[in-house]
Protein backbone atom coordinates (compact mmCIF):
# COMPACT_ATOMS: atom_id res chain seq x y z
CA MET A 1 19.91 -16.20 34.96
CA GLU A 2 21.93 -14.75 32.08
CA GLN A 3 21.36 -11.16 30.97
CA GLY A 4 20.44 -10.43 27.31
CA ILE A 5 20.15 -14.14 26.35
CA VAL A 6 16.84 -15.79 25.52
CA THR A 7 15.86 -18.23 28.25
CA TRP A 8 12.82 -20.48 28.34
CA VAL A 9 10.86 -20.16 31.59
CA SER A 10 7.59 -21.55 32.91
CA PRO A 11 4.84 -18.88 32.86
CA ASP A 12 3.94 -19.83 36.43
CA GLU A 13 7.29 -18.48 37.62
CA LEU A 14 6.49 -14.98 36.28
CA THR A 15 4.11 -12.20 37.34
CA GLU A 16 2.80 -9.22 35.42
CA GLY A 17 4.43 -5.95 36.35
CA GLU A 18 2.03 -3.69 38.26
CA LYS A 19 3.24 -0.60 36.37
CA ALA A 20 2.66 -2.29 33.02
CA LYS A 21 -0.83 -3.40 34.06
CA ALA A 22 -1.62 0.15 35.15
CA LEU A 23 -0.20 1.74 32.00
CA TYR A 24 -1.52 -0.51 29.25
CA SER A 25 -4.97 -1.95 28.68
CA LEU A 26 -5.93 -5.04 26.72
CA PRO A 27 -6.08 -4.35 22.97
CA GLU A 28 -9.30 -4.83 21.01
CA ASN A 29 -7.64 -7.56 18.93
CA TYR A 30 -6.80 -9.63 22.03
CA GLU A 31 -8.53 -12.77 20.72
CA ILE A 32 -6.75 -12.48 17.38
CA ILE A 33 -3.37 -12.26 19.14
CA LYS A 34 -4.31 -15.21 21.30
CA GLU A 35 -5.19 -17.33 18.28
CA SER A 36 -1.91 -16.36 16.61
CA ILE A 37 0.10 -17.43 19.67
CA ASN A 38 -1.90 -20.65 19.89
CA THR A 39 -0.94 -21.42 16.29
CA MET A 40 2.64 -20.15 16.08
CA GLY A 41 3.76 -19.78 19.67
CA ILE A 42 5.35 -16.71 21.27
CA LEU A 43 7.87 -15.32 18.79
CA THR A 44 8.96 -12.19 20.73
CA PRO A 45 10.65 -12.78 24.11
CA LEU A 46 9.26 -11.22 27.29
CA HIS A 47 11.51 -8.76 29.12
CA VAL A 48 11.76 -9.63 32.79
CA LYS A 49 13.35 -8.00 35.83
CA GLY A 50 13.71 -10.63 38.54
CA LYS A 51 10.39 -12.43 38.14
CA VAL A 52 8.39 -9.35 37.09
CA VAL A 53 7.45 -8.96 33.43
CA ILE A 54 8.34 -5.45 32.30
CA SER A 55 7.32 -5.92 28.66
CA GLY A 56 5.13 -8.79 27.46
CA CYS A 57 2.38 -8.92 30.08
CA LEU A 58 -0.15 -9.60 27.34
CA ARG A 59 1.87 -12.54 26.03
CA LEU A 60 2.29 -13.88 29.57
CA ARG A 61 -1.45 -13.70 30.23
CA ILE A 62 -2.22 -15.54 26.99
CA ALA A 63 0.47 -18.14 27.73
CA LYS A 64 -1.20 -18.90 31.07
CA GLU A 65 -4.64 -19.08 29.47
CA LEU A 66 -3.30 -21.49 26.82
CA GLU A 67 -1.40 -23.41 29.50
CA LEU A 68 1.92 -23.15 27.65
CA LYS A 69 4.75 -24.92 29.41
CA ASN A 70 7.48 -22.36 28.64
CA VAL A 71 7.82 -18.84 27.26
CA PRO A 72 10.92 -17.08 25.85
CA VAL A 73 12.39 -14.55 28.28
CA ILE A 74 15.20 -11.99 28.24
CA TYR A 75 16.29 -10.78 31.66
CA VAL A 76 17.04 -7.06 31.79
CA SER A 77 20.30 -5.95 33.35
CA ASN A 78 19.20 -2.48 34.51
CA GLU A 79 18.78 -3.49 38.11
CA GLU A 80 19.13 0.09 39.31
CA GLU A 81 16.31 1.39 37.13
CA ARG A 82 12.81 1.81 38.55
CA GLU A 83 10.10 -0.50 37.27
CA GLU A 84 7.98 2.25 35.66
CA LEU A 85 10.95 3.56 33.65
CA LEU A 86 11.90 0.09 32.48
CA THR A 87 8.26 -0.50 31.51
CA VAL A 88 8.23 2.62 29.34
CA ASN A 89 11.63 1.89 27.79
CA TYR A 90 10.82 -1.72 26.88
CA ASN A 91 7.41 -0.88 25.38
CA GLN A 92 8.51 1.71 22.85
CA GLN A 93 7.37 -0.36 19.86
CA ARG A 94 4.00 -1.14 21.36
CA GLN A 95 0.91 0.28 19.59
CA LYS A 96 -0.59 2.59 22.18
CA LYS A 97 -3.76 4.51 22.86
CA ASN A 98 -3.60 8.23 23.45
CA SER A 99 -4.24 7.79 27.16
CA GLU A 100 -1.28 5.38 27.37
CA ILE A 101 0.96 7.81 25.49
CA LEU A 102 0.11 10.54 27.99
CA ALA A 103 0.64 8.22 30.96
CA GLU A 104 4.09 7.28 29.65
CA HIS A 105 5.07 10.90 29.26
CA GLU A 106 3.88 11.76 32.75
CA ILE A 107 6.23 9.10 34.11
CA LEU A 108 9.16 10.53 32.14
CA ASP A 109 8.17 14.06 33.08
CA THR A 110 8.18 13.18 36.78
CA MET A 111 11.41 11.18 36.71
CA PHE A 112 13.33 13.52 34.40
CA PRO A 113 12.19 17.08 35.04
CA VAL A 114 13.82 19.78 32.96
CA GLY A 115 11.99 22.95 33.86
CA LYS A 116 10.82 25.77 31.63
CA GLY A 117 13.67 27.90 30.31
CA THR A 118 16.41 25.55 31.55
CA ARG A 119 19.76 25.80 29.67
CA THR A 120 20.30 22.10 29.01
CA ASP A 121 23.54 22.82 27.13
CA LEU A 122 25.08 24.09 30.37
CA ASN A 123 23.72 21.27 32.51
CA PRO A 124 24.72 17.75 31.32
CA GLU A 125 22.28 16.06 33.70
CA LYS A 126 19.37 18.18 32.50
CA LYS A 127 20.41 17.50 28.90
CA LYS A 128 20.38 13.77 29.62
CA ASN A 129 16.92 14.09 31.14
CA MET A 130 15.68 15.92 28.06
CA GLU A 131 17.03 13.18 25.79
CA ARG A 132 15.32 10.48 27.82
CA ARG A 133 12.03 12.36 27.70
CA LYS A 134 12.32 12.63 23.92
CA SER A 135 12.47 8.86 23.72
CA SER A 136 8.67 8.75 24.13
CA ASN A 137 8.28 10.01 20.52
CA ILE A 138 5.40 12.36 21.38
CA SER A 139 5.01 15.51 19.33
CA LYS A 140 4.78 18.68 21.37
CA ASP A 141 1.43 19.57 19.79
CA LYS A 142 -0.15 16.20 20.54
CA LEU A 143 1.25 16.12 24.04
CA SER A 144 0.00 19.63 24.76
CA LYS A 145 -3.52 18.73 23.61
CA LEU A 146 -3.59 15.52 25.66
CA LYS A 147 -2.49 17.40 28.78
CA LYS A 148 -5.15 20.06 28.27
CA ILE A 149 -7.82 17.43 27.68
CA LYS A 150 -6.89 15.68 30.91
CA SER A 151 -6.80 18.91 32.90
CA LEU A 152 -10.15 20.18 31.59
CA GLY A 153 -11.73 16.73 31.91
CA LYS A 154 -10.75 16.54 35.58
CA GLN A 155 -12.05 20.05 36.23
CA LEU A 156 -15.36 19.44 34.50
CA TYR A 157 -16.16 15.87 35.54
CA GLY A 158 -13.74 14.58 38.16
CA GLU A 159 -11.51 11.55 37.58
CA GLU A 160 -13.93 9.05 39.12
CA SER A 161 -16.94 10.04 37.03
CA ASP A 162 -18.50 8.13 34.13
CA GLU A 163 -18.18 11.30 32.01
CA TYR A 164 -14.41 11.31 32.51
CA THR A 165 -14.19 7.63 31.53
CA LYS A 166 -16.30 8.24 28.41
CA LEU A 167 -14.09 11.22 27.53
CA TRP A 168 -10.98 9.05 27.38
CA GLU A 169 -12.83 6.32 25.51
CA THR A 170 -13.56 8.95 22.86
CA VAL A 171 -9.95 10.14 22.90
CA ASP A 172 -8.63 6.59 22.51
CA GLU A 173 -11.07 5.59 19.77
CA GLY A 174 -9.46 8.18 17.51
CA LYS A 175 -12.65 8.78 15.53
CA VAL A 176 -12.78 12.39 16.73
CA SER A 177 -9.71 14.63 16.40
CA LEU A 178 -7.95 15.79 19.55
CA ASN A 179 -8.44 19.36 18.40
CA ARG A 180 -12.20 18.91 18.20
CA ILE A 181 -12.37 17.19 21.60
CA LEU A 182 -10.30 19.96 23.18
CA LYS A 183 -12.44 22.70 21.66
CA GLY A 184 -15.56 20.95 22.97
CA LEU A 185 -14.12 20.84 26.50
CA GLN A 186 -13.02 24.48 26.30
CA ARG A 187 -16.49 25.44 25.17
CA GLU A 188 -18.13 23.50 28.00
CA SER A 189 -15.73 25.02 30.52
CA GLY A 190 -16.40 28.49 29.12
CA ILE A 191 -20.16 28.01 29.31
CA ARG A 192 -19.91 26.94 32.94
CA ASN A 193 -17.77 29.96 33.70
CA ASN A 194 -20.23 32.26 31.93
CA THR A 195 -23.00 31.20 34.31
CA LYS A 196 -20.88 32.65 37.13
CA VAL A 197 -20.31 36.06 35.53
CA ILE A 198 -23.44 36.58 33.42
CA PRO A 199 -26.91 36.97 34.98
CA GLU A 200 -29.56 34.48 33.94
CA HIS A 201 -31.60 37.42 32.68
CA PHE A 202 -29.89 40.42 31.09
CA GLU A 203 -31.24 43.20 28.88
CA ILE A 204 -29.97 46.41 27.36
CA ILE A 205 -32.40 49.31 27.56
CA THR A 206 -31.12 52.70 26.40
CA ASP A 207 -32.51 55.54 24.32
CA LYS A 208 -30.72 54.40 21.16
CA ALA A 209 -30.55 50.65 21.63
CA LYS A 210 -32.74 47.99 23.22
CA ILE A 211 -32.11 44.26 23.30
CA PHE A 212 -34.78 42.16 24.97
CA ASN A 213 -33.86 38.84 26.55
CA ARG A 214 -36.60 36.68 25.12
CA SER A 215 -38.06 35.11 21.99
CA CYS A 216 -39.18 37.26 19.08
CA SER A 217 -42.36 35.25 18.49
CA HIS A 218 -44.33 38.14 20.03
CA MET A 219 -42.65 41.56 19.90
CA ASN A 220 -45.11 43.40 22.13
CA GLU A 221 -42.54 46.09 22.95
CA ILE A 222 -42.64 47.36 19.36
CA GLU A 223 -45.45 49.46 17.94
CA SER A 224 -47.02 48.38 14.67
CA GLU A 225 -45.43 49.84 11.52
CA SER A 226 -42.59 51.52 13.44
CA ILE A 227 -39.54 49.65 12.07
CA ALA A 228 -37.84 50.90 8.91
CA CYS A 229 -35.57 47.90 8.33
CA ILE A 230 -35.23 44.36 9.65
CA ILE A 231 -31.89 42.69 9.01
CA THR A 232 -31.39 39.24 10.47
CA SER A 233 -29.76 35.83 10.13
CA PRO A 234 -31.85 33.16 11.87
CA PRO A 235 -30.31 29.96 13.24
CA TYR A 236 -29.79 27.52 10.39
CA PHE A 237 -31.43 24.11 10.43
CA GLN A 238 -29.48 21.50 12.41
CA MET A 239 -26.24 23.46 12.14
CA ARG A 240 -25.40 24.72 15.63
CA ASP A 241 -26.49 23.91 19.16
CA TYR A 242 -26.85 27.10 21.20
CA GLY A 243 -27.47 25.14 24.39
CA LEU A 244 -31.14 26.04 24.65
CA GLY A 245 -32.64 22.57 24.52
CA ASP A 246 -34.72 20.78 21.92
CA GLU A 247 -37.15 23.70 21.59
CA GLN A 248 -34.58 26.10 20.13
CA LEU A 249 -35.10 27.30 16.58
CA GLY A 250 -33.05 25.19 14.19
CA PHE A 251 -33.40 21.97 16.22
CA GLU A 252 -36.71 20.89 14.73
CA LYS A 253 -37.00 17.27 13.64
CA ASP A 254 -37.76 18.10 10.02
CA VAL A 255 -37.29 20.91 7.53
CA ASP A 256 -41.00 21.66 7.12
CA THR A 257 -41.41 22.33 10.84
CA TYR A 258 -38.31 24.52 10.86
CA ILE A 259 -39.60 26.62 7.97
CA SER A 260 -43.05 26.96 9.56
CA HIS A 261 -41.42 28.29 12.75
CA LEU A 262 -39.36 30.75 10.72
CA VAL A 263 -42.38 32.01 8.83
CA ARG A 264 -44.31 32.36 12.11
CA ASP A 265 -41.66 34.72 13.47
CA PHE A 266 -41.58 36.72 10.26
CA GLY A 267 -45.34 37.09 10.48
CA GLU A 268 -44.75 39.27 13.55
CA CYS A 269 -42.18 41.19 11.50
CA LYS A 270 -44.86 42.12 9.00
CA ARG A 271 -46.82 43.78 11.80
CA VAL A 272 -43.97 45.95 13.09
CA LEU A 273 -42.47 46.84 9.69
CA LYS A 274 -43.43 50.10 8.02
CA ASP A 275 -45.28 49.87 4.73
CA ASP A 276 -42.21 51.30 2.98
CA GLY A 277 -39.81 49.18 5.06
CA SER A 278 -37.50 46.29 4.11
CA LEU A 279 -36.78 42.84 5.51
CA TRP A 280 -33.34 41.36 4.77
CA VAL A 281 -32.81 37.70 5.62
CA ASN A 282 -29.46 35.90 5.44
CA LEU A 283 -30.14 32.16 5.24
CA GLY A 284 -27.99 29.18 4.31
CA GLU A 285 -27.97 25.43 4.91
CA GLY A 286 -25.75 22.41 5.35
CA THR A 287 -26.03 18.96 3.81
CA PHE A 288 -27.91 16.03 5.32
CA ASN A 289 -27.20 12.48 4.20
CA GLY A 290 -24.91 14.03 1.61
CA HIS A 291 -27.46 16.29 -0.08
CA TYR A 292 -29.09 19.70 0.27
CA ASN A 293 -32.75 20.25 1.15
CA ALA A 294 -33.17 23.59 -0.68
CA ILE A 295 -34.10 25.24 2.61
CA PRO A 296 -33.49 28.86 1.50
CA HIS A 297 -35.61 28.34 -1.61
CA ARG A 298 -38.43 26.59 0.25
CA PHE A 299 -38.38 29.39 2.81
CA VAL A 300 -38.79 31.99 0.06
CA ILE A 301 -41.73 30.12 -1.46
CA GLU A 302 -43.47 29.97 1.91
CA MET A 303 -42.82 33.68 2.52
CA LEU A 304 -44.42 34.47 -0.85
CA ARG A 305 -47.46 32.44 0.19
CA GLN A 306 -47.69 34.62 3.30
CA GLY A 307 -47.95 37.75 1.17
CA TRP A 308 -44.35 38.98 1.23
CA ILE A 309 -42.89 40.44 -1.95
CA LEU A 310 -39.42 39.18 -2.90
CA ASN A 311 -37.69 42.30 -4.21
CA ASP A 312 -34.17 40.92 -4.49
CA GLU A 313 -31.96 37.89 -4.04
CA ILE A 314 -28.32 38.62 -3.24
CA VAL A 315 -25.45 36.13 -3.12
CA TRP A 316 -22.84 36.78 -0.44
CA VAL A 317 -19.53 35.41 -1.75
CA LYS A 318 -17.20 34.22 1.01
CA ASN A 319 -13.43 34.21 0.76
CA ASN A 320 -12.85 31.57 3.44
CA PRO A 321 -15.55 28.89 3.16
CA VAL A 322 -15.36 25.65 5.12
CA PHE A 323 -13.52 23.06 3.05
CA THR A 324 -15.46 19.93 2.20
CA GLN A 325 -14.43 16.94 0.08
CA SER A 326 -17.38 15.28 -1.64
CA LYS A 327 -19.10 14.98 -4.98
CA LYS A 328 -20.07 18.63 -5.02
CA THR A 329 -18.46 22.05 -5.02
CA ILE A 330 -17.28 23.78 -1.85
CA ARG A 331 -20.16 26.07 -0.93
CA ALA A 332 -18.61 29.55 -0.89
CA HIS A 333 -21.82 31.56 -0.84
CA GLU A 334 -24.94 32.27 1.17
CA PHE A 335 -28.20 33.93 0.21
CA ILE A 336 -29.53 37.28 1.37
CA PHE A 337 -33.21 37.79 0.51
CA HIS A 338 -34.76 41.24 0.39
CA PHE A 339 -38.50 41.16 1.16
CA VAL A 340 -40.91 44.12 1.19
CA LYS A 341 -44.60 44.61 2.05
CA THR A 342 -45.56 46.89 -0.84
CA ASP A 343 -44.10 48.19 -4.07
CA SER A 344 -43.71 51.63 -2.45
CA PHE A 345 -40.69 50.71 -0.33
CA TYR A 346 -37.86 53.10 0.42
CA TYR A 347 -34.64 52.38 -1.48
CA ASP A 348 -31.50 54.50 -1.75
CA TYR A 349 -28.36 53.47 -3.61
CA SER A 350 -26.82 56.94 -3.84
CA TRP A 351 -24.33 55.99 -1.13
CA THR A 352 -22.65 53.58 -3.56
CA LYS A 353 -21.08 56.59 -5.26
CA GLU A 354 -18.94 56.99 -2.13
CA VAL A 355 -17.62 53.42 -2.28
CA SER A 356 -14.17 52.72 -3.68
CA ASP A 357 -14.92 49.70 -5.83
CA PRO A 358 -12.66 49.83 -8.92
CA GLU A 359 -13.05 46.08 -9.60
CA ASN A 360 -16.88 46.26 -9.45
CA LEU A 361 -16.99 43.51 -6.84
CA ILE A 362 -20.14 44.82 -5.13
CA SER A 363 -21.29 47.63 -7.40
CA ILE A 364 -21.43 48.90 -10.95
CA GLY A 365 -21.12 52.48 -12.16
CA THR A 366 -19.16 54.01 -9.27
CA SER A 367 -16.87 55.68 -11.80
CA GLY A 368 -19.80 57.24 -13.68
CA LYS A 369 -22.82 59.36 -12.82
CA ILE A 370 -25.09 56.54 -11.68
CA ALA A 371 -24.11 53.58 -9.46
CA ASN A 372 -25.94 50.58 -8.06
CA LEU A 373 -25.22 47.37 -6.19
CA MET A 374 -24.44 44.03 -7.79
CA SER A 375 -26.55 40.96 -6.98
CA THR A 376 -23.36 39.40 -5.59
CA LEU A 377 -21.51 40.92 -2.66
CA ASP A 378 -17.85 39.97 -3.00
CA PHE A 379 -15.67 41.61 -0.32
CA ARG A 380 -12.38 39.98 -1.26
CA GLN A 381 -10.57 42.95 -2.81
CA ASN A 382 -12.86 45.80 -1.85
CA VAL A 383 -12.51 48.57 0.71
CA VAL A 384 -15.06 46.62 2.76
CA ARG A 385 -13.03 43.42 2.45
CA THR A 386 -13.85 40.91 5.15
CA CYS A 387 -13.87 37.23 5.95
CA CYS A 388 -17.04 35.35 6.94
CA ASN A 389 -17.11 37.19 10.25
CA TYR A 390 -14.79 39.27 12.38
CA MET A 391 -15.01 37.75 15.85
CA VAL A 392 -11.31 37.91 16.74
CA GLU A 393 -11.36 41.35 18.36
CA LEU A 394 -14.69 40.71 20.06
CA ARG A 395 -13.43 37.39 21.40
CA LYS A 396 -10.38 39.17 22.80
CA GLN A 397 -12.57 41.82 24.43
CA CYS A 398 -14.75 39.13 25.99
CA LYS A 399 -11.71 37.34 27.38
CA GLU A 400 -10.61 40.57 29.07
CA HIS A 401 -13.97 40.64 30.85
CA GLY A 402 -13.88 36.97 31.86
CA ILE A 403 -16.46 35.90 29.27
CA TYR A 404 -16.12 32.90 26.97
CA LEU A 405 -17.63 33.73 23.58
CA THR A 406 -19.53 30.68 22.35
CA HIS A 407 -20.98 32.45 19.31
CA ASN A 408 -18.88 32.17 16.15
CA ALA A 409 -21.42 32.46 13.37
CA ALA A 410 -21.91 36.20 13.04
CA PHE A 411 -22.13 37.70 9.59
CA PRO A 412 -19.63 40.49 8.75
CA ILE A 413 -20.76 43.98 9.69
CA THR A 414 -20.65 45.08 6.05
CA ILE A 415 -23.76 43.01 5.27
CA PRO A 416 -26.13 44.80 7.67
CA THR A 417 -24.39 48.10 6.87
CA ILE A 418 -25.19 47.75 3.16
CA ALA A 419 -28.80 46.82 3.94
CA ILE A 420 -29.20 49.73 6.37
CA LEU A 421 -27.70 52.34 4.04
CA THR A 422 -29.87 51.11 1.19
CA SER A 423 -33.23 50.90 2.97
CA THR A 424 -33.22 53.40 5.88
CA ARG A 425 -32.69 57.05 6.70
CA PRO A 426 -30.65 58.45 9.61
CA GLY A 427 -32.73 58.25 12.78
CA ASP A 428 -34.76 55.24 11.61
CA THR A 429 -35.07 52.13 13.75
CA VAL A 430 -33.45 48.84 12.74
CA LEU A 431 -34.58 45.48 14.11
CA ASP A 432 -32.82 42.12 14.38
CA MET A 433 -35.09 39.48 15.90
CA TYR A 434 -32.19 37.00 16.27
CA SER A 435 -29.77 39.58 17.62
CA GLY A 436 -26.90 37.26 18.57
CA THR A 437 -23.88 39.34 19.55
CA GLY A 438 -25.28 42.55 18.07
CA THR A 439 -23.58 42.85 14.68
CA ALA A 440 -26.65 44.50 13.15
CA GLY A 441 -26.85 46.73 16.22
CA GLU A 442 -23.32 47.97 15.68
CA ALA A 443 -24.08 48.66 12.02
CA ALA A 444 -27.24 50.56 12.97
CA LEU A 445 -25.70 52.70 15.71
CA GLY A 446 -22.59 53.30 13.61
CA THR A 447 -24.72 54.79 10.83
CA LYS A 448 -26.77 56.97 13.25
CA ARG A 449 -29.84 54.73 13.39
CA GLU A 450 -31.55 53.25 16.44
CA TYR A 451 -31.64 49.55 17.20
CA ILE A 452 -33.95 46.94 18.69
CA GLY A 453 -32.99 43.32 19.12
CA TYR A 454 -34.41 40.11 20.57
CA GLU A 455 -32.10 37.42 21.90
CA ILE A 456 -32.93 34.46 24.15
CA LYS A 457 -29.35 33.93 25.37
CA SER A 458 -28.33 36.42 28.05
CA GLU A 459 -24.69 35.60 27.29
CA PHE A 460 -25.01 37.05 23.79
CA ILE A 461 -26.66 40.20 25.11
CA LYS A 462 -23.81 40.67 27.59
CA VAL A 463 -21.38 40.32 24.68
CA SER A 464 -23.48 42.81 22.70
CA GLU A 465 -23.02 45.28 25.54
CA LEU A 466 -19.26 45.05 25.03
CA ARG A 467 -19.60 45.38 21.26
CA LEU A 468 -21.91 48.39 21.49
CA SER A 469 -20.28 50.12 24.44
CA GLU A 470 -18.76 52.80 22.22
CA TYR A 471 -22.24 53.89 21.17
CA LEU A 472 -24.21 53.21 24.32
CA ASN A 473 -22.11 55.16 26.83
CA ALA A 474 -24.54 53.67 29.30
CA ASP A 475 -24.14 53.46 33.03
CA LYS A 476 -25.66 50.74 35.17
CA GLU A 477 -29.14 52.21 35.47
CA HIS A 478 -29.55 51.78 31.69
CA LEU A 479 -29.10 48.03 32.03
CA ILE A 480 -31.64 45.69 33.54
CA GLU A 481 -30.27 42.71 35.41
CA ASN A 482 -32.27 40.27 37.44
CA ALA A 483 -32.30 36.62 38.24
CA ALA A 484 -35.01 34.94 36.24
């Protein structure tokens, strides 16, 4: 048995290494490899320690199935090395799944620990261990994500569950990025944690602000013609799952049903809105089968049929739109529609004189005697400059209170602020029937108005409490908590 020299051995004399069998699964192109070996034979020798195949278990299995008389073998000389380390070392060129890459690293990590903060330059043995761990050719970023996926998967599903198996099938398929898989697990973990710290039913009831934990389809808490301004951004069609089941707004099977549900809710808005009041609706859409369905435009047409007057159409220009690569432009805008009930609606643009807007990005005439808003709101260079939303600070605040913020689609506070300053007076009441995390509420309270919101997710109302705490100054008796 010569070391390092190719020797021809009967397959029956060899056995597959247990560590290799545990580490590596059969590839999807197994039959193709088998046919190639049947035609051309085994061209790459198996690496064997004693009678155990360290590298080449797949070739050995095929050789036995094809009843080959002999296979080429190279006997490894590292008798002192453990089988799992030899398996990893002799399978470096193998094409591996993500789960196999992680399993290899875990072996190296266990056998060659370094320790966080270790000075490897002062410790030759530790330095050697580090070099051997680097031999796995795993980037730190990829390794970190795989470790987090495994940890969260075990916590959420348990290693013996079908969900855990399906998770790694998804990871190994490579059709979904590791980053997306990890974010999905973090979201699921956060949602589970939220159920422990957030009551199933939660409402904010104070003198200046009220957010009711239910649907806005019937707003019985609000007197007719008592709201000066409604500013809202309803869930978009088939864009985000808020975890509320198939009945949630935006999860309808077709666009027509979605629009009819929207219009139904805005019918209740017409009841509570003052005759001189304003309704501002921010509405966008995504593509389906590669094309748009003109949802904002179809919504406007249906609102006109219901007797609403379309006073204005504003384009909100974003400075950080989601990049898309297709036969169309990157959509860097959304619509804001201004509806009224009568021609005698309240409208005040005198506040625009106080805005510093030298580039005329949201207004015209601020340097003269008369100023007014533009039909495009472009915040990129203005004093009210903002990205699509400003959730970073709120997310940080939630984390400090043990809450995982699942909402990431809030519009920037400047949008409701502009609508409120233009169409209300101090002391008026502002309504958002899809309150979310309370952006419109912050804009209302910050401009000395009162606020009413409706939100079916108690999690979002709890987050709104954090956002609005500066204005609420509410103690526990102002908040209603109960298990639904």
